[in-house]
Amino acid sequence: MVENRAQPTGLGRGFWTATAVLGLLSVAAIVFWYTAPVYTWLKLPVAIETAARVDELSTFMFASGSALYIFVVGYIVYFAIAFRARKDDPPEAVGVQVHDNHKLEFWWTLVPALFVILLSVESVRIWYQIMPISSEPNNLVVESIGHQFYWSFRYPQINGEIAGDMHLPIGVPVTLNLTSADVIHSFWVPAMRLKNDMVPGMVTEIRLTPTITGRFPIVCTQFCGVGHNTMNAMVDPSKQFVVIESKDAFQKWYQGWQAKNAHVSNSLAAAPAAGPAIDLSKGDASAGQKLFATKCTACHALGPFTQVVVGPGLKGLLHDPSHPNLVTGEPATPADIAKILQTGFTGSMGTMPNQQANGLSDQDIANLVAYLATFK
């Protein structure tokens, strides 16, 4: 008869030795991530101020994730060896029992909890550095529109859209507004480390300040149709780039496009005809206020007409004696404001998308007009 061995009650004679080895390997992994020129190997320059902050968070996640991975896999291997089934084990033998081991349960709860808290604090700290809440003065505001399968850009005081590279001046804070003309795209510039989706009828925002000059590829990271691969300048150098250049070079490029697009009509001639007149009597100013915050603030300030973001300031739009007419030349009446929201507009300040592109219903337009009418 085979003599039954005693049921194991500990973690094994080699547990602390294995733990020490795993600890050394984890420290080596952490040192590697914090000392190795990983981003140089990946050929990822730091093109904007906050890219370095994103790299800090990535390095922290790589280092801590590697350490956790080493311990998890290491313990799996160790326990598989230490508590493997042996030939002389009885059929009913069970492994070491750790249920109700309060010390073990305490530590395997505390360590992951501390890691998650640390990661959350670090993520939020960096998030508020790369996505400031308040607008910085004298920003350049650029709008990027995703199309199947290219990008177009709008700049203040340049008529129409630009379908070439996006140009930015070095050292100037930029607010980049993102939207789509057709399907969902995703705007990503690896050298900037920032990425955001482009959703039809919605404007999302990225803030950045360029720090080095150069040409940096733009990539669409959201599958947007059969030509999705053609929106990747990392694969095809003939595609579109972000060009960061000196302020003088940017000004020369900017003035060149102003002259080139001077022929673009400052009217609604190219816009679709307005549909049936919208009943504005049922407009809800409260709903319009919420809608304005999500749909309009990326391009319009609640300030005087001269407070231009991409389009003019809209506070007092219906009651400003200095600007009795809208940018269309028509009188500032609720009906004419509703007409612009329906048809869109192309002028010296750029292009405003029409009702369909902005994802507005007739009731939405009535609500927005009612909200704008509340400012005296």
Protein backbone atom coordinates (compact mmCIF):
# COMPACT_ATOMS: atom_id res chain seq x y z
CA MET A 1 0.00 0.00 0.00
CA VAL A 2 1.26 3.47 -0.91
CA GLU A 3 1.68 5.66 2.16
CA ASN A 4 -0.31 8.90 1.96
CA ARG A 5 1.84 12.01 2.20
CA ALA A 6 0.72 14.84 4.44
CA GLN A 7 -1.45 17.48 2.79
CA PRO A 8 0.62 20.60 2.03
CA THR A 9 -0.19 23.54 4.25
CA GLY A 10 2.33 26.22 3.19
CA LEU A 11 3.32 28.01 0.01
CA GLY A 12 6.25 25.70 -0.62
CA ARG A 13 9.86 25.76 0.47
CA GLY A 14 10.97 27.79 -2.54
CA PHE A 15 8.24 30.45 -2.40
CA TRP A 16 10.32 33.25 -0.93
CA THR A 17 13.28 32.39 -3.13
CA ALA A 18 10.98 32.56 -6.18
CA THR A 19 9.53 35.84 -4.89
CA ALA A 20 13.01 37.34 -4.56
CA VAL A 21 13.90 36.29 -8.12
CA LEU A 22 10.65 37.72 -9.49
CA GLY A 23 11.29 40.93 -7.55
CA LEU A 24 14.72 41.32 -9.12
CA LEU A 25 13.30 40.66 -12.59
CA SER A 26 10.54 43.24 -11.98
CA VAL A 27 13.07 45.86 -10.85
CA ALA A 28 15.14 45.14 -13.97
CA ALA A 29 12.04 45.61 -16.16
CA ILE A 30 11.19 48.92 -14.46
CA VAL A 31 14.75 50.19 -14.87
CA PHE A 32 14.67 49.18 -18.55
CA TRP A 33 11.50 51.14 -19.31
CA TYR A 34 12.74 54.25 -17.51
CA THR A 35 16.25 54.25 -19.04
CA ALA A 36 15.94 52.75 -22.52
CA PRO A 37 15.34 55.22 -25.40
CA VAL A 38 12.15 53.44 -26.41
CA TYR A 39 10.56 56.39 -28.22
CA THR A 40 13.77 56.99 -30.15
CA TRP A 41 13.73 53.38 -31.28
CA LEU A 42 10.11 53.83 -32.36
CA LYS A 43 11.07 57.03 -34.21
CA LEU A 44 8.44 59.08 -32.36
CA PRO A 45 9.55 62.70 -31.90
CA VAL A 46 7.92 64.94 -29.28
CA ALA A 47 6.16 67.49 -31.47
CA ILE A 48 4.03 69.29 -28.87
CA GLU A 49 4.40 70.30 -25.23
CA THR A 50 2.11 67.67 -23.76
CA ALA A 51 3.47 64.72 -25.76
CA ALA A 52 6.16 64.25 -23.10
CA ARG A 53 3.42 63.99 -20.44
CA VAL A 54 1.73 61.22 -22.43
CA ASP A 55 5.09 59.46 -22.70
CA GLU A 56 5.46 59.68 -18.92
CA LEU A 57 2.12 57.95 -18.43
CA SER A 58 2.93 55.33 -21.06
CA THR A 59 6.30 54.61 -19.46
CA PHE A 60 4.65 54.25 -16.04
CA MET A 61 2.09 51.82 -17.48
CA PHE A 62 4.74 49.81 -19.37
CA ALA A 63 6.96 49.58 -16.28
CA SER A 64 4.24 48.75 -13.76
CA GLY A 65 2.49 46.43 -16.20
CA SER A 66 5.73 44.54 -16.87
CA ALA A 67 6.37 44.14 -13.13
CA LEU A 68 2.85 42.85 -12.51
CA TYR A 69 3.10 40.52 -15.51
CA ILE A 70 6.38 39.06 -14.24
CA PHE A 71 4.89 38.35 -10.81
CA VAL A 72 1.64 36.89 -12.14
CA VAL A 73 3.27 34.61 -14.71
CA GLY A 74 6.14 33.79 -12.37
CA TYR A 75 3.82 32.66 -9.59
CA ILE A 76 1.75 30.61 -12.03
CA VAL A 77 4.91 28.78 -13.14
CA TYR A 78 6.18 28.40 -9.56
CA PHE A 79 2.91 27.00 -8.18
CA ALA A 80 2.50 24.70 -11.19
CA ILE A 81 5.88 23.19 -10.33
CA ALA A 82 5.69 23.29 -6.52
CA PHE A 83 2.22 21.77 -6.31
CA ARG A 84 2.23 19.51 -9.36
CA ALA A 85 0.59 16.12 -9.03
CA ARG A 86 3.04 13.38 -8.07
CA LYS A 87 2.86 9.66 -8.73
CA ASP A 88 2.55 8.80 -5.06
CA ASP A 89 -0.36 11.20 -4.43
CA PRO A 90 -3.67 9.52 -3.56
CA PRO A 91 -6.56 10.04 -6.02
CA GLU A 92 -8.40 12.30 -3.55
CA ALA A 93 -5.38 14.54 -2.86
CA VAL A 94 -5.91 18.27 -3.08
CA GLY A 95 -3.43 21.11 -3.24
CA VAL A 96 -2.61 23.65 -0.58
CA GLN A 97 -5.72 25.33 0.82
CA VAL A 98 -5.61 29.11 1.10
CA HIS A 99 -9.31 29.80 1.66
CA ASP A 100 -9.83 32.08 4.68
CA ASN A 101 -6.14 32.93 4.75
CA HIS A 102 -6.77 36.50 5.81
CA LYS A 103 -3.18 37.67 5.42
CA LEU A 104 -2.99 36.41 1.83
CA GLU A 105 -6.41 37.85 0.95
CA PHE A 106 -5.44 41.19 2.48
CA TRP A 107 -2.28 41.53 0.41
CA TRP A 108 -3.73 40.35 -2.89
CA THR A 109 -6.50 42.93 -2.41
CA LEU A 110 -4.33 45.80 -1.18
CA VAL A 111 -1.56 45.65 -3.79
CA PRO A 112 -3.85 45.77 -6.88
CA ALA A 113 -6.00 48.45 -5.22
CA LEU A 114 -2.97 50.64 -4.56
CA PHE A 115 -1.81 50.15 -8.15
CA VAL A 116 -5.22 51.16 -9.57
CA ILE A 117 -5.36 54.24 -7.32
CA LEU A 118 -1.83 55.28 -8.32
CA LEU A 119 -2.60 54.77 -12.01
CA SER A 120 -5.84 56.78 -11.67
CA VAL A 121 -4.11 59.69 -9.92
CA GLU A 122 -1.31 59.79 -12.49
CA SER A 123 -3.77 59.55 -15.40
CA VAL A 124 -5.98 62.37 -14.11
CA ARG A 125 -2.94 64.56 -13.39
CA ILE A 126 -1.68 64.18 -16.95
CA TRP A 127 -5.18 64.44 -18.43
CA TYR A 128 -5.62 67.93 -16.98
CA GLN A 129 -2.26 68.94 -18.43
CA ILE A 130 -3.11 67.84 -21.96
CA MET A 131 -6.80 68.84 -21.97
CA PRO A 132 -7.09 72.21 -20.17
CA ILE A 133 -10.64 73.31 -19.45
CA SER A 134 -10.29 77.03 -20.10
CA SER A 135 -9.33 78.48 -23.47
CA GLU A 136 -5.93 80.10 -23.75
CA PRO A 137 -5.83 83.64 -25.21
CA ASN A 138 -4.72 84.27 -28.77
CA ASN A 139 -5.17 80.64 -29.81
CA LEU A 140 -5.14 79.61 -33.42
CA VAL A 141 -8.37 77.69 -34.01
CA VAL A 142 -8.29 75.11 -36.79
CA GLU A 143 -11.08 72.76 -37.78
CA SER A 144 -10.30 69.34 -39.24
CA ILE A 145 -13.02 67.49 -41.15
CA GLY A 146 -12.76 63.79 -41.94
CA HIS A 147 -13.96 62.60 -45.36
CA GLN A 148 -13.92 59.33 -47.21
CA PHE A 149 -10.95 59.24 -47.67
CA TYR A 150 -9.03 62.42 -46.93
CA TRP A 151 -8.84 65.33 -44.48
CA SER A 152 -9.85 68.94 -45.06
CA PHE A 153 -9.10 71.93 -42.84
CA ARG A 154 -10.71 75.29 -42.10
CA TYR A 155 -8.85 78.35 -40.83
CA PRO A 156 -10.26 81.72 -39.69
CA GLN A 157 -10.22 84.33 -42.44
CA ILE A 158 -9.58 81.74 -45.18
CA ASN A 159 -12.57 81.12 -47.41
CA GLY A 160 -13.56 77.51 -47.92
CA GLU A 161 -11.68 74.34 -47.00
CA ILE A 162 -8.04 73.35 -47.52
CA ALA A 163 -7.49 69.76 -48.64
CA GLY A 164 -3.69 69.64 -48.45
CA ASP A 165 -1.46 69.40 -45.38
CA MET A 166 -2.45 71.06 -42.11
CA HIS A 167 -0.02 73.88 -41.27
CA LEU A 168 0.66 75.12 -37.73
CA PRO A 169 3.08 77.78 -36.41
CA ILE A 170 5.61 76.71 -33.79
CA GLY A 171 5.08 78.00 -30.25
CA VAL A 172 1.47 79.11 -30.78
CA PRO A 173 -1.34 77.45 -28.73
CA VAL A 174 -3.74 75.70 -31.09
CA THR A 175 -7.31 74.56 -30.55
CA LEU A 176 -8.07 71.79 -33.03
CA ASN A 177 -11.77 71.12 -33.56
CA LEU A 178 -12.60 67.74 -35.10
CA THR A 179 -15.71 66.61 -36.94
CA SER A 180 -16.71 64.43 -39.88
CA ALA A 181 -18.63 65.02 -43.06
CA ASP A 182 -19.75 61.41 -43.56
CA VAL A 183 -18.81 58.49 -41.27
CA ILE A 184 -16.82 58.14 -38.05
CA HIS A 185 -13.10 58.80 -38.50
CA SER A 186 -10.38 59.11 -35.86
CA PHE A 187 -7.67 61.78 -36.07
CA TRP A 188 -4.23 60.72 -34.78
CA VAL A 189 -0.79 62.28 -35.12
CA PRO A 190 1.71 59.87 -33.48
CA ALA A 191 4.28 62.62 -32.90
CA MET A 192 1.66 64.49 -30.84
CA ARG A 193 0.42 61.41 -28.95
CA LEU A 194 -3.13 62.80 -29.08
CA LYS A 195 -6.06 61.11 -30.79
CA ASN A 196 -9.78 61.82 -30.96
CA ASP A 197 -12.77 60.49 -32.87
CA MET A 198 -14.44 62.54 -35.60
CA VAL A 199 -18.20 62.01 -35.41
CA PRO A 200 -20.74 63.46 -37.89
CA GLY A 201 -22.77 66.18 -36.21
CA MET A 202 -20.40 66.47 -33.25
CA VAL A 203 -17.33 68.62 -32.62
CA THR A 204 -14.58 67.23 -30.40
CA GLU A 205 -11.53 69.18 -29.34
CA ILE A 206 -7.77 68.79 -28.96
CA ARG A 207 -5.51 71.52 -27.53
CA LEU A 208 -1.80 71.60 -28.32
CA THR A 209 1.24 73.84 -28.59
CA PRO A 210 3.83 72.81 -31.24
CA THR A 211 7.44 72.74 -30.00
CA ILE A 212 9.48 71.53 -33.00
CA THR A 213 9.28 72.05 -36.74
CA GLY A 214 8.82 69.23 -39.20
CA ARG A 215 6.30 67.14 -41.14
CA PHE A 216 4.35 64.62 -39.06
CA PRO A 217 2.00 62.01 -40.55
CA ILE A 218 -1.75 62.03 -39.89
CA VAL A 219 -3.41 58.65 -39.43
CA CYS A 220 -7.07 57.63 -39.34
CA THR A 221 -7.42 54.93 -36.68
CA GLN A 222 -11.12 54.19 -37.18
CA PHE A 223 -12.14 51.87 -40.02
CA CYS A 224 -14.12 54.20 -42.25
CA GLY A 225 -14.65 52.22 -45.45
CA VAL A 226 -12.77 50.42 -48.20
CA GLY A 227 -10.33 53.33 -48.61
CA HIS A 228 -9.45 53.56 -44.92
CA ASN A 229 -5.82 52.58 -45.57
CA THR A 230 -5.37 55.59 -47.85
CA MET A 231 -5.70 57.91 -44.83
CA ASN A 232 -2.42 56.73 -43.27
CA ALA A 233 0.55 58.98 -44.01
CA MET A 234 2.84 56.66 -42.01
CA VAL A 235 2.36 54.08 -44.75
CA ASP A 236 2.12 56.37 -47.79
CA PRO A 237 4.30 59.53 -47.73
CA SER A 238 2.11 61.06 -50.46
CA LYS A 239 -0.75 61.42 -47.97
CA GLN A 240 -1.51 64.32 -45.66
CA PHE A 241 0.78 65.60 -42.90
CA VAL A 242 0.78 68.16 -40.11
CA VAL A 243 3.44 70.72 -41.05
CA ILE A 244 4.85 72.65 -38.09
CA GLU A 245 6.89 75.62 -39.26
CA SER A 246 8.21 78.99 -38.15
CA LYS A 247 5.72 81.79 -37.60
CA ASP A 248 7.00 83.65 -40.67
CA ALA A 249 6.69 80.57 -42.87
CA PHE A 250 3.20 79.90 -41.54
CA GLN A 251 2.14 83.49 -42.17
CA LYS A 252 3.39 83.28 -45.75
CA TRP A 253 1.47 80.02 -46.29
CA TYR A 254 -1.62 81.48 -44.59
CA GLN A 255 -1.65 84.63 -46.74
CA GLY A 256 -1.12 82.51 -49.83
CA TRP A 257 -4.26 80.53 -49.11
CA GLN A 258 -6.19 83.71 -48.33
CA ALA A 259 -5.33 85.00 -51.80
CA LYS A 260 -5.92 81.62 -53.45
CA ASN A 261 -9.39 81.23 -51.91
CA ALA A 262 -10.40 84.87 -52.26
CA HIS A 263 -12.73 83.87 -55.10
CA VAL A 264 -14.80 81.63 -52.81
CA SER A 265 -18.20 83.27 -52.51
CA ASN A 266 -19.02 84.98 -49.23
CA SER A 267 -22.62 83.89 -49.61
CA LEU A 268 -24.94 80.95 -49.41
CA ALA A 269 -24.80 80.33 -53.16
CA ALA A 270 -22.99 77.00 -52.79
CA ALA A 271 -25.13 75.85 -49.89
CA PRO A 272 -28.23 73.71 -50.33
CA ALA A 273 -31.52 75.53 -50.49
CA ALA A 274 -33.33 75.97 -47.20
CA GLY A 275 -36.16 73.58 -46.55
CA PRO A 276 -39.59 74.58 -45.30
CA ALA A 277 -39.58 77.39 -42.75
CA ILE A 278 -39.10 76.12 -39.21
CA ASP A 279 -41.74 76.86 -36.58
CA LEU A 280 -39.73 78.86 -34.05
CA SER A 281 -42.63 79.42 -31.68
CA LYS A 282 -41.96 76.13 -29.90
CA GLY A 283 -38.31 76.82 -29.20
CA ASP A 284 -37.06 75.95 -25.69
CA ALA A 285 -34.26 78.27 -24.52
CA SER A 286 -33.17 75.86 -21.77
CA ALA A 287 -32.75 73.00 -24.24
CA GLY A 288 -31.02 75.41 -26.62
CA GLN A 289 -28.49 76.33 -23.93
CA LYS A 290 -27.50 72.68 -23.44
CA LEU A 291 -27.34 72.16 -27.20
CA PHE A 292 -25.18 75.27 -27.67
CA ALA A 293 -22.68 73.92 -25.12
CA THR A 294 -22.28 70.64 -27.03
CA LYS A 295 -22.64 71.79 -30.65
CA CYS A 296 -21.57 75.41 -30.95
CA THR A 297 -18.92 76.44 -28.41
CA ALA A 298 -16.09 74.91 -30.44
CA CYS A 299 -16.58 77.61 -33.08
CA HIS A 300 -18.54 80.41 -31.39
CA ALA A 301 -18.03 82.35 -28.16
CA LEU A 302 -20.82 83.83 -26.06
CA GLY A 303 -19.30 87.26 -26.53
CA PRO A 304 -19.56 90.23 -28.88
CA PHE A 305 -19.60 89.73 -32.62
CA THR A 306 -15.89 90.62 -32.85
CA GLN A 307 -14.89 87.83 -30.43
CA VAL A 308 -14.03 85.37 -33.18
CA VAL A 309 -13.15 81.73 -32.46
CA VAL A 310 -13.82 80.25 -35.89
CA GLY A 311 -17.10 82.07 -36.38
CA PRO A 312 -18.21 85.34 -34.74
CA GLY A 313 -19.36 85.81 -31.15
CA LEU A 314 -23.10 85.26 -30.80
CA LYS A 315 -24.06 87.04 -27.58
CA GLY A 316 -26.59 89.77 -28.36
CA LEU A 317 -26.80 88.56 -31.95
CA LEU A 318 -30.41 89.70 -32.32
CA HIS A 319 -29.95 92.99 -30.46
CA ASP A 320 -26.49 94.33 -31.40
CA PRO A 321 -26.80 97.76 -33.08
CA SER A 322 -23.14 97.51 -34.18
CA HIS A 323 -23.99 94.46 -36.30
CA PRO A 324 -27.60 94.74 -37.46
CA ASN A 325 -26.92 92.20 -40.23
CA LEU A 326 -25.72 88.63 -40.13
CA VAL A 327 -22.60 87.44 -41.98
CA THR A 328 -24.91 86.61 -44.89
CA GLY A 329 -25.83 90.29 -45.20
CA GLU A 330 -29.38 89.51 -44.15
CA PRO A 331 -31.01 91.22 -41.13
CA ALA A 332 -30.46 89.68 -37.71
CA THR A 333 -33.87 88.10 -37.27
CA PRO A 334 -34.81 84.72 -35.76
CA ALA A 335 -35.93 83.46 -39.17
CA ASP A 336 -32.64 84.39 -40.86
CA ILE A 337 -30.60 82.81 -38.06
CA ALA A 338 -32.64 79.63 -38.49
CA LYS A 339 -31.92 79.79 -42.23
CA ILE A 340 -28.13 79.83 -41.63
CA LEU A 341 -28.47 76.87 -39.27
CA GLN A 342 -30.42 75.04 -41.99
CA THR A 343 -28.22 75.74 -45.00
CA GLY A 344 -24.77 76.40 -43.55
CA PHE A 345 -22.55 79.22 -44.73
CA THR A 346 -19.19 79.80 -46.42
CA GLY A 347 -17.51 83.16 -45.93
CA SER A 348 -14.33 84.97 -44.94
CA MET A 349 -14.35 83.31 -41.51
CA GLY A 350 -14.57 79.82 -42.97
CA THR A 351 -17.40 77.37 -43.46
CA MET A 352 -20.25 76.55 -41.13
CA PRO A 353 -21.74 73.06 -41.74
CA ASN A 354 -25.39 72.82 -42.64
CA GLN A 355 -28.21 71.28 -40.60
CA GLN A 356 -27.52 67.72 -41.75
CA ALA A 357 -23.76 67.89 -41.14
CA ASN A 358 -24.31 69.35 -37.67
CA GLY A 359 -26.91 66.70 -36.82
CA LEU A 360 -29.62 69.24 -35.98
CA SER A 361 -33.34 68.60 -36.08
CA ASP A 362 -35.85 71.36 -36.77
CA GLN A 363 -36.66 71.41 -33.05
CA ASP A 364 -32.93 71.77 -32.26
CA ILE A 365 -32.76 74.83 -34.48
CA ALA A 366 -35.83 76.33 -32.82
CA ASN A 367 -34.26 75.71 -29.41
CA LEU A 368 -30.95 77.34 -30.41
CA VAL A 369 -32.72 80.43 -31.80
CA ALA A 370 -34.78 80.71 -28.62
CA TYR A 371 -31.58 80.56 -26.53
CA LEU A 372 -29.79 83.21 -28.60
CA ALA A 373 -32.84 85.45 -28.31
CA THR A 374 -32.43 85.53 -24.52
CA PHE A 375 -29.29 87.71 -24.78
CA LYS A 376 -30.02 91.41 -24.88
